[in-house]
Amino acid sequence: MSVDPNTLVAPDFAHPDSAEIRQPLLAGGLTEELTAAALLTIWTVGNNKDRVRWQAQLDADAAAAVQRLQADTEADAQRQEASLLEAEQARKDEVKKNRDKFIPIPLRPPPQSELVLPAPFALRKLEKGLYVELYYFTNDGLNATMAAIGQIDDEAVSMRTNEDGTTSWVPANTARDSKSVVEDINLTWEQVREAAPRMVTAM
């Protein structure tokens, strides 16, 4: 149906323009008044049925619109989910490809004390529980370490003899002993005061 029957107005069946419609009933013996009333009743019954069909059509159209909206909403949700999954997979691939780029930065205050970088050689001896000269933790020893590190190629390696007698190649900056090392007995008290707390911290 394309016209809302609720908006229609019953015609005047007593009007001369309705004479042709009244004629069959008049021929049956009805008067003009009864004929007009009968035609109005017939039109009203038909209009009421059309109103019921019209309302059913409106309900069906509304239900179809709701279904289309739900389908569109679900489709949008699926597209968004697929997009999120794709973005998450891309992020995982990026993290896997560039791990260093995504190393978490710990939330901690900056160090309040001086940065102490003893010779890698001395630290390796500490890790093994071996004797290490205090000189490596004095100001002179730290300065010598910084100077030596700047002179060693980052990719340079050196042969080291292990405790079991085997040999292995290690980075040169972890195997080189300082040639200017001063024995503990020859350190000044000022140098001992410099080195002792630093060595304790390194241990």
N, C-alpha and C. Protein backbone atom coordinates (compact mmCIF):
# COMPACT_ATOMS: atom_id res chain seq x y z
N MET A 1 0.84 -1.20 0.00
CA MET A 1 0.00 0.00 0.00
C MET A 1 0.88 1.25 0.00
N SER A 2 0.47 2.24 -0.80
CA SER A 2 1.24 3.46 -0.92
C SER A 2 0.56 4.68 -0.30
N VAL A 3 -0.73 4.53 0.05
CA VAL A 3 -1.48 5.64 0.64
C VAL A 3 -1.97 5.24 2.02
N ASP A 4 -1.77 6.12 3.00
CA ASP A 4 -2.22 5.85 4.36
C ASP A 4 -3.74 5.94 4.42
N PRO A 5 -4.45 4.84 4.68
CA PRO A 5 -5.92 4.88 4.72
C PRO A 5 -6.47 5.73 5.86
N ASN A 6 -5.62 6.02 6.84
CA ASN A 6 -6.06 6.87 7.94
C ASN A 6 -6.29 8.31 7.49
N THR A 7 -5.70 8.68 6.36
CA THR A 7 -5.84 10.05 5.87
C THR A 7 -7.01 10.21 4.91
N LEU A 8 -7.66 9.10 4.53
CA LEU A 8 -8.76 9.18 3.57
C LEU A 8 -10.06 9.62 4.25
N VAL A 9 -10.88 10.34 3.51
CA VAL A 9 -12.19 10.80 3.99
C VAL A 9 -13.29 10.12 3.19
N ALA A 10 -14.30 9.62 3.88
CA ALA A 10 -15.40 8.92 3.19
C ALA A 10 -16.12 9.86 2.22
N PRO A 11 -16.39 9.39 1.03
CA PRO A 11 -17.10 10.22 0.05
C PRO A 11 -18.57 10.43 0.47
N ASP A 12 -19.18 11.46 -0.10
CA ASP A 12 -20.61 11.73 0.16
C ASP A 12 -21.42 10.92 -0.85
N PHE A 13 -21.92 9.76 -0.40
CA PHE A 13 -22.64 8.88 -1.31
C PHE A 13 -24.04 9.42 -1.67
N ALA A 14 -24.47 10.48 -1.00
CA ALA A 14 -25.76 11.09 -1.34
C ALA A 14 -25.59 12.18 -2.41
N HIS A 15 -24.34 12.48 -2.73
CA HIS A 15 -24.06 13.52 -3.73
C HIS A 15 -24.43 13.02 -5.12
N PRO A 16 -24.87 13.94 -5.99
CA PRO A 16 -25.21 13.53 -7.36
C PRO A 16 -24.09 12.82 -8.08
N ASP A 17 -22.81 13.13 -7.73
CA ASP A 17 -21.68 12.47 -8.41
C ASP A 17 -21.63 10.98 -8.09
N SER A 18 -22.32 10.54 -7.03
CA SER A 18 -22.33 9.11 -6.64
C SER A 18 -23.59 8.40 -7.13
N ALA A 19 -24.32 9.05 -8.03
CA ALA A 19 -25.59 8.46 -8.51
C ALA A 19 -25.36 7.10 -9.15
N GLU A 20 -24.27 6.97 -9.93
CA GLU A 20 -24.01 5.71 -10.63
C GLU A 20 -23.73 4.58 -9.64
N ILE A 21 -23.05 4.92 -8.51
CA ILE A 21 -22.75 3.90 -7.50
C ILE A 21 -24.02 3.49 -6.75
N ARG A 22 -24.95 4.46 -6.56
CA ARG A 22 -26.17 4.15 -5.82
C ARG A 22 -27.17 3.32 -6.65
N GLN A 23 -27.06 3.38 -7.97
CA GLN A 23 -28.09 2.82 -8.84
C GLN A 23 -28.37 1.33 -8.59
N PRO A 24 -27.35 0.45 -8.42
CA PRO A 24 -27.67 -0.97 -8.20
C PRO A 24 -28.49 -1.20 -6.93
N LEU A 25 -28.18 -0.44 -5.88
CA LEU A 25 -28.94 -0.61 -4.64
C LEU A 25 -30.35 -0.03 -4.76
N LEU A 26 -30.46 1.07 -5.47
CA LEU A 26 -31.79 1.65 -5.68
C LEU A 26 -32.67 0.70 -6.49
N ALA A 27 -32.01 0.00 -7.46
CA ALA A 27 -32.77 -0.94 -8.28
C ALA A 27 -33.26 -2.11 -7.46
N GLY A 28 -32.59 -2.35 -6.33
CA GLY A 28 -33.00 -3.44 -5.45
C GLY A 28 -34.12 -3.04 -4.51
N GLY A 29 -34.55 -1.81 -4.60
CA GLY A 29 -35.67 -1.39 -3.79
C GLY A 29 -35.33 -0.54 -2.60
N LEU A 30 -34.04 -0.19 -2.40
CA LEU A 30 -33.67 0.66 -1.26
C LEU A 30 -33.94 2.12 -1.57
N THR A 31 -34.20 2.86 -0.54
CA THR A 31 -34.40 4.29 -0.73
C THR A 31 -33.06 4.99 -0.87
N GLU A 32 -33.09 6.28 -1.22
CA GLU A 32 -31.87 7.06 -1.37
C GLU A 32 -31.08 7.10 -0.06
N GLU A 33 -31.79 7.32 1.06
CA GLU A 33 -31.13 7.41 2.35
C GLU A 33 -30.46 6.09 2.74
N LEU A 34 -31.19 4.98 2.58
CA LEU A 34 -30.63 3.68 2.93
C LEU A 34 -29.46 3.31 2.01
N THR A 35 -29.62 3.69 0.74
CA THR A 35 -28.53 3.40 -0.21
C THR A 35 -27.26 4.14 0.19
N ALA A 36 -27.36 5.43 0.51
CA ALA A 36 -26.18 6.21 0.90
C ALA A 36 -25.58 5.65 2.18
N ALA A 37 -26.44 5.27 3.14
CA ALA A 37 -25.96 4.72 4.41
C ALA A 37 -25.26 3.37 4.20
N ALA A 38 -25.84 2.55 3.31
CA ALA A 38 -25.24 1.25 3.04
C ALA A 38 -23.88 1.40 2.39
N LEU A 39 -23.77 2.30 1.41
CA LEU A 39 -22.48 2.54 0.74
C LEU A 39 -21.43 3.08 1.72
N LEU A 40 -21.87 3.95 2.62
CA LEU A 40 -20.93 4.48 3.63
C LEU A 40 -20.43 3.37 4.55
N THR A 41 -21.34 2.46 4.92
CA THR A 41 -20.95 1.34 5.78
C THR A 41 -19.94 0.44 5.07
N ILE A 42 -20.21 0.14 3.81
CA ILE A 42 -19.28 -0.70 3.03
C ILE A 42 -17.91 -0.03 2.93
N TRP A 43 -17.89 1.26 2.66
CA TRP A 43 -16.60 1.98 2.53
C TRP A 43 -15.85 1.97 3.86
N THR A 44 -16.58 2.18 4.96
CA THR A 44 -15.95 2.23 6.29
C THR A 44 -15.33 0.88 6.66
N VAL A 45 -16.06 -0.21 6.37
CA VAL A 45 -15.52 -1.54 6.65
C VAL A 45 -14.24 -1.77 5.86
N GLY A 46 -14.26 -1.42 4.60
CA GLY A 46 -13.07 -1.59 3.77
C GLY A 46 -11.91 -0.72 4.24
N ASN A 47 -12.23 0.52 4.64
CA ASN A 47 -11.17 1.42 5.12
C ASN A 47 -10.56 0.91 6.41
N ASN A 48 -11.39 0.34 7.30
CA ASN A 48 -10.85 -0.21 8.55
C ASN A 48 -9.90 -1.38 8.28
N LYS A 49 -10.24 -2.22 7.31
CA LYS A 49 -9.35 -3.33 6.94
C LYS A 49 -8.04 -2.79 6.36
N ASP A 50 -8.16 -1.74 5.55
CA ASP A 50 -6.95 -1.15 4.97
C ASP A 50 -6.06 -0.55 6.07
N ARG A 51 -6.68 0.02 7.10
CA ARG A 51 -5.89 0.58 8.20
C ARG A 51 -5.11 -0.51 8.93
N VAL A 52 -5.76 -1.66 9.12
CA VAL A 52 -5.07 -2.78 9.77
C VAL A 52 -3.89 -3.24 8.93
N ARG A 53 -4.11 -3.39 7.60
CA ARG A 53 -3.02 -3.80 6.70
C ARG A 53 -1.92 -2.74 6.67
N TRP A 54 -2.32 -1.48 6.71
CA TRP A 54 -1.32 -0.40 6.69
C TRP A 54 -0.44 -0.45 7.94
N GLN A 55 -1.07 -0.68 9.10
CA GLN A 55 -0.29 -0.76 10.33
C GLN A 55 0.64 -1.97 10.32
N ALA A 56 0.15 -3.09 9.78
CA ALA A 56 1.02 -4.27 9.67
C ALA A 56 2.21 -3.99 8.76
N GLN A 57 1.94 -3.24 7.69
CA GLN A 57 3.02 -2.89 6.77
C GLN A 57 4.03 -1.97 7.46
N LEU A 58 3.55 -1.01 8.27
CA LEU A 58 4.45 -0.13 9.01
C LEU A 58 5.30 -0.93 10.00
N ASP A 59 4.66 -1.88 10.70
CA ASP A 59 5.39 -2.70 11.68
C ASP A 59 6.46 -3.55 10.98
N ALA A 60 6.10 -4.10 9.82
CA ALA A 60 7.07 -4.92 9.08
C ALA A 60 8.24 -4.07 8.59
N ASP A 61 7.93 -2.86 8.11
CA ASP A 61 9.01 -1.97 7.64
C ASP A 61 9.92 -1.57 8.80
N ALA A 62 9.31 -1.30 9.97
CA ALA A 62 10.11 -0.92 11.14
C ALA A 62 11.00 -2.07 11.58
N ALA A 63 10.45 -3.29 11.60
CA ALA A 63 11.24 -4.46 11.98
C ALA A 63 12.39 -4.68 11.01
N ALA A 64 12.11 -4.50 9.71
CA ALA A 64 13.16 -4.66 8.71
C ALA A 64 14.25 -3.61 8.89
N ALA A 65 13.83 -2.37 9.24
CA ALA A 65 14.80 -1.30 9.46
C ALA A 65 15.69 -1.61 10.66
N VAL A 66 15.06 -2.16 11.72
CA VAL A 66 15.84 -2.54 12.91
C VAL A 66 16.84 -3.63 12.57
N GLN A 67 16.41 -4.62 11.79
CA GLN A 67 17.31 -5.70 11.40
C GLN A 67 18.47 -5.18 10.56
N ARG A 68 18.16 -4.24 9.64
CA ARG A 68 19.24 -3.66 8.82
C ARG A 68 20.22 -2.89 9.70
N LEU A 69 19.67 -2.14 10.67
CA LEU A 69 20.53 -1.38 11.57
C LEU A 69 21.42 -2.32 12.39
N GLN A 70 20.83 -3.40 12.90
CA GLN A 70 21.61 -4.37 13.68
C GLN A 70 22.69 -5.01 12.82
N ALA A 71 22.31 -5.35 11.58
CA ALA A 71 23.29 -5.96 10.67
C ALA A 71 24.43 -4.99 10.38
N ASP A 72 24.08 -3.72 10.14
CA ASP A 72 25.11 -2.72 9.87
C ASP A 72 26.00 -2.50 11.10
N THR A 73 25.36 -2.50 12.28
CA THR A 73 26.14 -2.31 13.52
C THR A 73 27.10 -3.47 13.74
N GLU A 74 26.60 -4.70 13.52
CA GLU A 74 27.46 -5.87 13.69
C GLU A 74 28.59 -5.87 12.67
N ALA A 75 28.28 -5.46 11.44
CA ALA A 75 29.32 -5.40 10.41
C ALA A 75 30.38 -4.38 10.78
N ASP A 76 29.95 -3.21 11.29
CA ASP A 76 30.91 -2.19 11.72
C ASP A 76 31.77 -2.70 12.87
N ALA A 77 31.13 -3.39 13.82
CA ALA A 77 31.87 -3.94 14.96
C ALA A 77 32.91 -4.96 14.49
N GLN A 78 32.52 -5.81 13.53
CA GLN A 78 33.45 -6.80 13.01
C GLN A 78 34.61 -6.14 12.27
N ARG A 79 34.30 -5.07 11.51
CA ARG A 79 35.37 -4.36 10.81
C ARG A 79 36.32 -3.70 11.80
N GLN A 80 35.77 -3.11 12.85
CA GLN A 80 36.61 -2.48 13.85
C GLN A 80 37.47 -3.51 14.58
N GLU A 81 36.87 -4.65 14.91
CA GLU A 81 37.63 -5.71 15.57
C GLU A 81 38.75 -6.23 14.68
N ALA A 82 38.42 -6.41 13.40
CA ALA A 82 39.44 -6.87 12.46
C ALA A 82 40.55 -5.84 12.34
N SER A 83 40.17 -4.55 12.33
CA SER A 83 41.17 -3.50 12.24
C SER A 83 42.06 -3.48 13.48
N LEU A 84 41.44 -3.66 14.67
CA LEU A 84 42.22 -3.69 15.91
C LEU A 84 43.17 -4.89 15.94
N LEU A 85 42.66 -6.05 15.50
CA LEU A 85 43.52 -7.24 15.46
C LEU A 85 44.67 -7.05 14.49
N GLU A 86 44.39 -6.43 13.36
CA GLU A 86 45.44 -6.17 12.37
C GLU A 86 46.48 -5.21 12.94
N ALA A 87 45.99 -4.16 13.63
CA ALA A 87 46.92 -3.20 14.22
C ALA A 87 47.76 -3.85 15.32
N GLU A 88 47.12 -4.72 16.14
CA GLU A 88 47.84 -5.40 17.21
C GLU A 88 48.88 -6.35 16.65
N GLN A 89 48.52 -7.06 15.56
CA GLN A 89 49.49 -7.96 14.94
C GLN A 89 50.64 -7.18 14.34
N ALA A 90 50.33 -6.03 13.74
CA ALA A 90 51.39 -5.18 13.18
C ALA A 90 52.32 -4.69 14.29
N ARG A 91 51.72 -4.33 15.45
CA ARG A 91 52.55 -3.88 16.57
C ARG A 91 53.44 -5.02 17.08
N LYS A 92 52.88 -6.23 17.18
CA LYS A 92 53.67 -7.38 17.63
C LYS A 92 54.82 -7.65 16.66
N ASP A 93 54.52 -7.56 15.36
CA ASP A 93 55.57 -7.78 14.37
C ASP A 93 56.66 -6.72 14.49
N GLU A 94 56.23 -5.47 14.75
CA GLU A 94 57.20 -4.39 14.88
C GLU A 94 58.06 -4.59 16.12
N VAL A 95 57.42 -5.02 17.23
CA VAL A 95 58.17 -5.28 18.46
C VAL A 95 59.15 -6.42 18.25
N LYS A 96 58.70 -7.47 17.55
CA LYS A 96 59.57 -8.61 17.29
C LYS A 96 60.73 -8.23 16.38
N LYS A 97 60.47 -7.34 15.44
CA LYS A 97 61.49 -6.94 14.48
C LYS A 97 62.48 -5.95 15.09
N ASN A 98 61.99 -5.07 15.96
CA ASN A 98 62.84 -4.04 16.56
C ASN A 98 62.69 -4.09 18.08
N ARG A 99 63.23 -5.14 18.68
CA ARG A 99 63.08 -5.33 20.12
C ARG A 99 63.70 -4.17 20.91
N ASP A 100 64.85 -3.70 20.49
CA ASP A 100 65.54 -2.64 21.23
C ASP A 100 64.71 -1.37 21.28
N LYS A 101 63.92 -1.15 20.26
CA LYS A 101 63.11 0.07 20.19
C LYS A 101 62.02 0.08 21.26
N PHE A 102 61.59 -1.11 21.70
CA PHE A 102 60.46 -1.21 22.63
C PHE A 102 60.89 -1.69 24.02
N ILE A 103 62.16 -1.57 24.34
CA ILE A 103 62.61 -1.93 25.69
C ILE A 103 61.97 -0.97 26.69
N PRO A 104 61.26 -1.48 27.67
CA PRO A 104 60.60 -0.57 28.63
C PRO A 104 61.60 0.25 29.42
N ILE A 105 61.27 1.50 29.64
CA ILE A 105 62.12 2.41 30.41
C ILE A 105 61.61 2.42 31.84
N PRO A 106 62.39 1.96 32.79
CA PRO A 106 61.90 1.92 34.19
C PRO A 106 61.69 3.32 34.74
N LEU A 107 60.63 3.47 35.50
CA LEU A 107 60.35 4.75 36.15
C LEU A 107 61.11 4.80 37.47
N ARG A 108 62.21 5.47 37.45
CA ARG A 108 63.02 5.58 38.66
C ARG A 108 63.73 6.94 38.65
N PRO A 109 64.05 7.48 39.79
CA PRO A 109 64.74 8.78 39.82
C PRO A 109 66.15 8.65 39.27
N PRO A 110 66.70 9.73 38.76
CA PRO A 110 68.08 9.68 38.25
C PRO A 110 69.06 9.41 39.38
N PRO A 111 70.19 8.79 39.08
CA PRO A 111 71.18 8.51 40.13
C PRO A 111 71.68 9.80 40.76
N GLN A 112 71.82 9.78 42.08
CA GLN A 112 72.28 10.96 42.81
C GLN A 112 73.79 10.93 43.05
N SER A 113 74.39 9.75 42.87
CA SER A 113 75.83 9.64 43.10
C SER A 113 76.58 9.65 41.78
N GLU A 114 77.89 9.79 41.87
CA GLU A 114 78.71 9.81 40.67
C GLU A 114 78.70 8.46 39.96
N LEU A 115 78.85 8.50 38.64
CA LEU A 115 78.89 7.28 37.84
C LEU A 115 80.29 6.70 37.88
N VAL A 116 80.40 5.46 38.38
CA VAL A 116 81.71 4.81 38.51
C VAL A 116 81.78 3.68 37.50
N LEU A 117 82.78 3.74 36.62
CA LEU A 117 82.96 2.71 35.59
C LEU A 117 84.36 2.11 35.73
N PRO A 118 84.50 1.12 36.60
CA PRO A 118 85.81 0.48 36.74
C PRO A 118 86.17 -0.30 35.48
N ALA A 119 87.40 -0.72 35.40
CA ALA A 119 87.86 -1.48 34.24
C ALA A 119 87.09 -2.80 34.16
N PRO A 120 86.61 -3.18 32.96
CA PRO A 120 85.92 -4.47 32.80
C PRO A 120 86.76 -5.63 33.30
N PHE A 121 88.07 -5.52 33.11
CA PHE A 121 88.97 -6.57 33.58
C PHE A 121 88.85 -6.75 35.09
N ALA A 122 88.79 -5.62 35.81
CA ALA A 122 88.69 -5.69 37.27
C ALA A 122 87.34 -6.25 37.70
N LEU A 123 86.29 -5.87 37.01
CA LEU A 123 84.96 -6.37 37.36
C LEU A 123 84.87 -7.88 37.13
N ARG A 124 85.50 -8.37 36.07
CA ARG A 124 85.49 -9.81 35.82
C ARG A 124 86.20 -10.57 36.94
N LYS A 125 87.26 -9.99 37.44
CA LYS A 125 87.97 -10.65 38.54
C LYS A 125 87.11 -10.64 39.81
N LEU A 126 86.36 -9.55 40.02
CA LEU A 126 85.48 -9.50 41.19
C LEU A 126 84.39 -10.56 41.08
N GLU A 127 83.84 -10.72 39.88
CA GLU A 127 82.78 -11.70 39.67
C GLU A 127 83.28 -13.11 39.98
N LYS A 128 84.55 -13.35 39.73
CA LYS A 128 85.12 -14.68 39.98
C LYS A 128 85.62 -14.83 41.42
N GLY A 129 85.52 -13.75 42.20
CA GLY A 129 86.00 -13.82 43.57
C GLY A 129 87.51 -13.74 43.67
N LEU A 130 88.17 -13.18 42.67
CA LEU A 130 89.62 -13.06 42.68
C LEU A 130 90.05 -11.74 43.29
N TYR A 131 91.30 -11.67 43.64
CA TYR A 131 91.85 -10.45 44.21
C TYR A 131 91.92 -9.36 43.14
N VAL A 132 91.50 -8.15 43.50
CA VAL A 132 91.53 -7.01 42.60
C VAL A 132 92.19 -5.85 43.32
N GLU A 133 93.14 -5.22 42.65
CA GLU A 133 93.84 -4.09 43.25
C GLU A 133 92.87 -2.91 43.43
N LEU A 134 93.02 -2.22 44.56
CA LEU A 134 92.20 -1.03 44.83
C LEU A 134 92.44 0.05 43.79
N TYR A 135 93.59 0.01 43.14
CA TYR A 135 93.94 1.07 42.18
C TYR A 135 92.85 1.25 41.13
N TYR A 136 92.21 0.15 40.70
CA TYR A 136 91.19 0.24 39.64
C TYR A 136 90.00 1.11 40.04
N PHE A 137 89.83 1.36 41.36
CA PHE A 137 88.69 2.13 41.85
C PHE A 137 89.09 3.52 42.33
N THR A 138 90.36 3.86 42.18
CA THR A 138 90.80 5.21 42.50
C THR A 138 90.48 6.15 41.34
N ASN A 139 90.59 7.46 41.58
CA ASN A 139 90.36 8.41 40.50
C ASN A 139 91.31 8.17 39.34
N ASP A 140 92.57 7.91 39.67
CA ASP A 140 93.55 7.66 38.61
C ASP A 140 93.19 6.39 37.84
N GLY A 141 92.76 5.34 38.55
CA GLY A 141 92.40 4.09 37.88
C GLY A 141 91.19 4.25 36.98
N LEU A 142 90.19 5.01 37.45
CA LEU A 142 88.99 5.23 36.62
C LEU A 142 89.32 6.05 35.39
N ASN A 143 90.18 7.07 35.56
CA ASN A 143 90.58 7.89 34.41
C ASN A 143 91.37 7.06 33.41
N ALA A 144 92.21 6.16 33.90
CA ALA A 144 92.97 5.29 33.00
C ALA A 144 92.04 4.36 32.24
N THR A 145 90.99 3.88 32.91
CA THR A 145 90.03 3.01 32.25
C THR A 145 89.31 3.73 31.13
N MET A 146 88.83 4.96 31.40
CA MET A 146 88.14 5.73 30.38
C MET A 146 89.05 5.99 29.19
N ALA A 147 90.30 6.29 29.44
CA ALA A 147 91.24 6.54 28.35
C ALA A 147 91.49 5.28 27.55
N ALA A 148 91.60 4.13 28.25
CA ALA A 148 91.88 2.87 27.55
C ALA A 148 90.69 2.43 26.71
N ILE A 149 89.46 2.63 27.24
CA ILE A 149 88.27 2.23 26.49
C ILE A 149 88.17 3.01 25.20
N GLY A 150 88.53 4.27 25.24
CA GLY A 150 88.46 5.08 24.02
C GLY A 150 89.48 4.67 22.98
N GLN A 151 90.49 3.90 23.38
CA GLN A 151 91.52 3.48 22.43
C GLN A 151 91.32 2.08 21.90
N ILE A 152 90.35 1.32 22.47
CA ILE A 152 90.15 -0.07 22.06
C ILE A 152 89.00 -0.16 21.09
N ASP A 153 89.20 -0.85 20.00
CA ASP A 153 88.13 -1.08 19.02
C ASP A 153 87.02 -1.89 19.68
N ASP A 154 85.78 -1.45 19.47
CA ASP A 154 84.64 -2.15 20.07
C ASP A 154 84.56 -3.61 19.63
N GLU A 155 85.07 -3.91 18.44
CA GLU A 155 84.98 -5.27 17.93
C GLU A 155 86.25 -6.09 18.16
N ALA A 156 87.23 -5.49 18.83
CA ALA A 156 88.49 -6.20 19.07
C ALA A 156 88.28 -7.32 20.08
N VAL A 157 88.99 -8.42 19.87
CA VAL A 157 88.92 -9.55 20.79
C VAL A 157 90.32 -9.95 21.24
N SER A 158 90.37 -10.66 22.34
CA SER A 158 91.64 -11.10 22.89
C SER A 158 91.48 -12.53 23.39
N MET A 159 92.58 -13.31 23.34
CA MET A 159 92.55 -14.69 23.81
C MET A 159 92.73 -14.71 25.32
N ARG A 160 91.89 -15.53 25.99
CA ARG A 160 91.96 -15.65 27.44
C ARG A 160 92.08 -17.12 27.80
N THR A 161 92.90 -17.40 28.83
CA THR A 161 93.05 -18.77 29.33
C THR A 161 92.08 -18.97 30.48
N ASN A 162 91.22 -19.97 30.35
CA ASN A 162 90.22 -20.24 31.37
C ASN A 162 90.82 -21.05 32.51
N GLU A 163 90.02 -21.18 33.60
CA GLU A 163 90.53 -21.89 34.77
C GLU A 163 90.78 -23.37 34.50
N ASP A 164 90.06 -23.93 33.54
CA ASP A 164 90.26 -25.36 33.24
C ASP A 164 91.36 -25.60 32.22
N GLY A 165 92.09 -24.54 31.86
CA GLY A 165 93.20 -24.69 30.93
C GLY A 165 92.83 -24.43 29.48
N THR A 166 91.53 -24.37 29.17
CA THR A 166 91.12 -24.09 27.79
C THR A 166 91.24 -22.60 27.51
N THR A 167 91.19 -22.26 26.24
CA THR A 167 91.28 -20.85 25.85
C THR A 167 89.99 -20.45 25.14
N SER A 168 89.70 -19.16 25.21
CA SER A 168 88.51 -18.63 24.54
C SER A 168 88.77 -17.20 24.15
N TRP A 169 87.99 -16.73 23.19
CA TRP A 169 88.12 -15.34 22.73
C TRP A 169 87.08 -14.49 23.44
N VAL A 170 87.51 -13.35 23.98
CA VAL A 170 86.63 -12.43 24.70
C VAL A 170 86.90 -11.02 24.20
N PRO A 171 85.96 -10.08 24.40
CA PRO A 171 86.21 -8.69 24.04
C PRO A 171 87.47 -8.17 24.70
N ALA A 172 88.27 -7.44 23.96
CA ALA A 172 89.57 -7.00 24.46
C ALA A 172 89.44 -6.11 25.69
N ASN A 173 88.37 -5.31 25.75
CA ASN A 173 88.26 -4.39 26.88
C ASN A 173 87.91 -5.10 28.18
N THR A 174 87.60 -6.40 28.13
CA THR A 174 87.33 -7.15 29.36
C THR A 174 88.52 -8.02 29.76
N ALA A 175 89.54 -8.05 28.96
CA ALA A 175 90.67 -8.95 29.23
C ALA A 175 91.98 -8.21 29.46
N ARG A 176 91.97 -6.91 29.18
CA ARG A 176 93.23 -6.17 29.27
C ARG A 176 93.46 -5.67 30.69
N ASP A 177 94.58 -5.95 31.24
CA ASP A 177 94.99 -5.45 32.54
C ASP A 177 95.70 -4.12 32.35
N SER A 178 95.57 -3.23 33.34
CA SER A 178 96.24 -1.94 33.24
C SER A 178 97.73 -2.10 33.50
N LYS A 179 98.54 -1.47 32.63
CA LYS A 179 100.00 -1.54 32.79
C LYS A 179 100.48 -0.58 33.87
N SER A 180 99.63 0.38 34.22
CA SER A 180 100.05 1.39 35.20
C SER A 180 99.47 1.11 36.58
N VAL A 181 98.96 -0.12 36.81
CA VAL A 181 98.35 -0.44 38.08
C VAL A 181 99.35 -0.27 39.22
N VAL A 182 98.84 0.28 40.32
CA VAL A 182 99.66 0.52 41.51
C VAL A 182 99.24 -0.47 42.58
N GLU A 183 100.21 -1.13 43.18
CA GLU A 183 99.91 -2.09 44.23
C GLU A 183 99.26 -1.38 45.41
N ASP A 184 98.43 -2.12 46.15
CA ASP A 184 97.71 -1.53 47.27
C ASP A 184 98.65 -0.90 48.28
N ILE A 185 99.79 -1.55 48.49
CA ILE A 185 100.72 -1.08 49.52
C ILE A 185 101.32 0.27 49.16
N ASN A 186 101.29 0.60 47.87
CA ASN A 186 101.90 1.85 47.41
C ASN A 186 100.86 2.96 47.24
N LEU A 187 99.58 2.70 47.51
CA LEU A 187 98.55 3.72 47.39
C LEU A 187 98.63 4.70 48.55
N THR A 188 98.25 5.93 48.31
CA THR A 188 98.16 6.91 49.38
C THR A 188 96.86 6.69 50.14
N TRP A 189 96.80 7.27 51.37
CA TRP A 189 95.56 7.13 52.13
C TRP A 189 94.39 7.80 51.40
N GLU A 190 94.67 8.88 50.69
CA GLU A 190 93.61 9.55 49.92
C GLU A 190 93.06 8.62 48.85
N GLN A 191 93.94 7.89 48.18
CA GLN A 191 93.51 6.95 47.15
C GLN A 191 92.73 5.78 47.75
N VAL A 192 93.13 5.34 48.94
CA VAL A 192 92.41 4.26 49.61
C VAL A 192 90.99 4.72 49.96
N ARG A 193 90.87 5.97 50.45
CA ARG A 193 89.55 6.49 50.78
C ARG A 193 88.67 6.63 49.52
N GLU A 194 89.29 6.89 48.38
CA GLU A 194 88.54 6.97 47.12
C GLU A 194 88.06 5.59 46.68
N ALA A 195 88.94 4.61 46.75
CA ALA A 195 88.68 3.30 46.15
C ALA A 195 87.82 2.39 47.01
N ALA A 196 87.99 2.40 48.31
CA ALA A 196 87.34 1.41 49.18
C ALA A 196 85.81 1.42 49.02
N PRO A 197 85.13 2.56 49.17
CA PRO A 197 83.67 2.51 49.04
C PRO A 197 83.22 2.12 47.63
N ARG A 198 84.00 2.50 46.63
CA ARG A 198 83.64 2.13 45.25
C ARG A 198 83.74 0.63 45.03
N MET A 199 84.77 0.03 45.61
CA MET A 199 84.91 -1.42 45.45
C MET A 199 83.80 -2.15 46.19
N VAL A 200 83.46 -1.66 47.38
CA VAL A 200 82.37 -2.30 48.15
C VAL A 200 81.07 -2.23 47.36
N THR A 201 80.80 -1.10 46.73
CA THR A 201 79.58 -0.96 45.93
C THR A 201 79.60 -1.91 44.74
N ALA A 202 80.77 -2.03 44.10
CA ALA A 202 80.88 -2.92 42.93
C ALA A 202 80.71 -4.38 43.32
N MET A 203 81.10 -4.71 44.53
CA MET A 203 80.98 -6.09 44.99
C MET A 203 79.54 -6.44 45.29
